[in-house]
Amino acid sequence: MGLLTAALVVGGAAGAVVAAPFALTAVGFTTIGITAGSYAAAWMSAAAVANAGAVAGGSAVAGLQAAGAVGLPAVASAGVAGVGATIGLITAILI
């Protein structure tokens, strides 16, 4: 593995972990709840309609809101880092 490849893999992993909270906030999953009129609000509405008026605990919407409120758990951070590293590796291959 060359130096550029290593830098892109590490940078992709670190960048993804740093960017994840900003991405959650951008779509409407914030520390104080779901932002009205956001994508998150639309997802929550659809989940509630599909589940007879309630958002199921353990659903994707519930998990994303929890992550938006308190941050990503270690397992999710590792997954996000893996995705970022993969993107960095693909970028290195394409360069």
Protein backbone atom coordinates (compact mmCIF):
# COMPACT_ATOMS: atom_id res chain seq x y z
CA MET A 1 0.00 0.00 0.00
CA GLY A 2 1.44 3.31 -1.05
CA LEU A 3 1.60 6.43 1.05
CA LEU A 4 -1.19 8.13 -0.94
CA THR A 5 -3.45 5.10 -0.55
CA ALA A 6 -2.82 4.95 3.19
CA ALA A 7 -3.47 8.67 3.56
CA LEU A 8 -6.74 8.42 1.64
CA VAL A 9 -7.92 5.41 3.65
CA VAL A 10 -7.09 7.00 7.02
CA GLY A 11 -8.42 10.38 5.92
CA GLY A 12 -11.63 8.82 4.64
CA ALA A 13 -12.18 6.95 7.91
CA ALA A 14 -11.48 9.98 10.10
CA GLY A 15 -13.44 12.33 7.87
CA ALA A 16 -16.50 10.10 7.90
CA VAL A 17 -16.53 9.86 11.70
CA VAL A 18 -16.19 13.64 12.03
CA ALA A 19 -18.82 14.33 9.35
CA ALA A 20 -21.48 11.90 10.64
CA PRO A 21 -22.90 14.16 13.39
CA PHE A 22 -23.07 17.07 10.96
CA ALA A 23 -24.89 14.91 8.41
CA LEU A 24 -27.41 13.79 11.03
CA THR A 25 -28.08 17.41 12.00
CA ALA A 26 -28.35 18.45 8.35
CA VAL A 27 -31.19 15.99 7.70
CA GLY A 28 -32.97 16.95 10.93
CA PHE A 29 -31.83 14.57 13.70
CA THR A 30 -30.66 17.07 16.35
CA THR A 31 -29.79 17.02 20.04
CA ILE A 32 -33.18 18.54 20.90
CA GLY A 33 -35.30 16.34 18.66
CA ILE A 34 -36.40 16.07 15.07
CA THR A 35 -36.56 19.38 13.22
CA ALA A 36 -40.00 20.27 11.84
CA GLY A 37 -40.21 20.18 8.05
CA SER A 38 -36.94 18.24 7.66
CA TYR A 39 -36.21 14.95 5.95
CA ALA A 40 -36.11 13.39 9.42
CA ALA A 41 -39.65 14.63 10.08
CA ALA A 42 -40.86 13.07 6.82
CA TRP A 43 -39.17 9.76 7.71
CA MET A 44 -40.68 9.85 11.19
CA SER A 45 -44.12 10.54 9.76
CA ALA A 46 -43.84 7.65 7.30
CA ALA A 47 -42.64 5.33 10.07
CA ALA A 48 -45.55 6.36 12.29
CA VAL A 49 -48.09 5.81 9.51
CA ALA A 50 -46.64 2.37 8.82
CA ASN A 51 -46.76 1.45 12.51
CA ALA A 52 -50.30 2.55 13.47
CA GLY A 53 -49.28 5.99 14.73
CA ALA A 54 -46.11 5.18 16.65
CA VAL A 55 -42.44 4.98 15.76
CA ALA A 56 -41.18 1.55 16.75
CA GLY A 57 -38.30 1.38 19.19
CA GLY A 58 -35.27 -0.07 17.44
CA SER A 59 -36.37 1.24 14.04
CA ALA A 60 -34.01 3.17 11.79
CA VAL A 61 -35.74 6.45 12.65
CA ALA A 62 -35.43 5.76 16.38
CA GLY A 63 -31.77 4.82 16.02
CA LEU A 64 -30.91 7.88 13.95
CA GLN A 65 -32.68 10.16 16.43
CA ALA A 66 -30.80 8.58 19.32
CA ALA A 67 -27.54 9.11 17.42
CA GLY A 68 -28.51 12.71 16.71
CA ALA A 69 -29.35 13.31 20.37
CA VAL A 70 -26.40 11.68 22.12
CA GLY A 71 -23.90 10.88 19.37
CA LEU A 72 -22.91 7.70 17.63
CA PRO A 73 -22.17 4.64 19.73
CA ALA A 74 -18.76 3.00 19.26
CA VAL A 75 -20.12 0.29 16.98
CA ALA A 76 -21.75 2.83 14.68
CA SER A 77 -18.59 4.96 14.67
CA ALA A 78 -16.61 1.90 13.62
CA GLY A 79 -19.08 1.22 10.82
CA VAL A 80 -18.95 4.82 9.62
CA ALA A 81 -15.15 4.70 9.73
CA GLY A 82 -15.21 1.52 7.66
CA VAL A 83 -17.38 3.15 5.02
CA GLY A 84 -15.10 6.20 4.94
CA ALA A 85 -12.01 4.01 4.65
CA THR A 86 -13.61 2.09 1.79
CA ILE A 87 -14.41 5.33 -0.03
CA GLY A 88 -10.81 6.45 0.53
CA LEU A 89 -9.49 3.16 -0.89
CA ILE A 90 -11.76 3.37 -3.94
CA THR A 91 -10.60 6.95 -4.49
CA ALA A 92 -6.96 5.81 -4.31
CA ILE A 93 -7.63 3.07 -6.87
CA LEU A 94 -9.32 5.51 -9.23
CA ILE A 95 -6.53 8.09 -9.01
